[in-house]
Amino acid sequence: MDINVKLRRATALTGGAFALALALSACGAGSDTPDGAVEGFLKDGAEDMVNAMLDGDGEKAADIAGDYFCADDVAGVEEAAAQFEGMTDEEKQQFEEMAGDEFSMFEDMSYEVGEVTEDGDTATVEVSITANDETTDETFDLVKEDDAWKICGFMA
């Protein structure tokens, strides 16, 4: 397969992961509340999951995702990570160059949790994220699986 096709395909499959990665930062809680689940992921899982994907370690990326994402999104992470597993180091480097500043966002990021809306086994959490001198408002959708709140909809 042509390298440009591989890069476009990897970009499309991981677009959700990196859009989510734009929404990441630190300061966590547990998964017993919707905002706690989001904060827990931002603090403990996001950077590790993205790095595992970039390293081509799909199993590790999926394991991390399983702690924070609903089952459908874990399957999306596995699919995206599989694209990186098949890439050469040169292809990975080209992908990282295409992504630019997105991978440095973990170094200088802050966020503020806004409105949390809970309705039975679903919830939304509004988060304002500042990274690379840009502020973005994100909405995290969550579902309750096995008595734990899980982010759902970014990778499905």
Foldseek 3Di string as FASTA:
>chain_A
DDLVVLLVVLCVLCVLLLVVLQVAEADAAFQLAQVRLRRCCRHPQNLVLVVCLLVLNLVSNLVSLVRAADPVQSVSSSVSSNSNVPDDPVSSVVSDVVVPCSNVFHVDKDKDWDDWQDDVFKIKIWMWMAGPNDIDIDIFIWGQDPSGIHTYDSRD
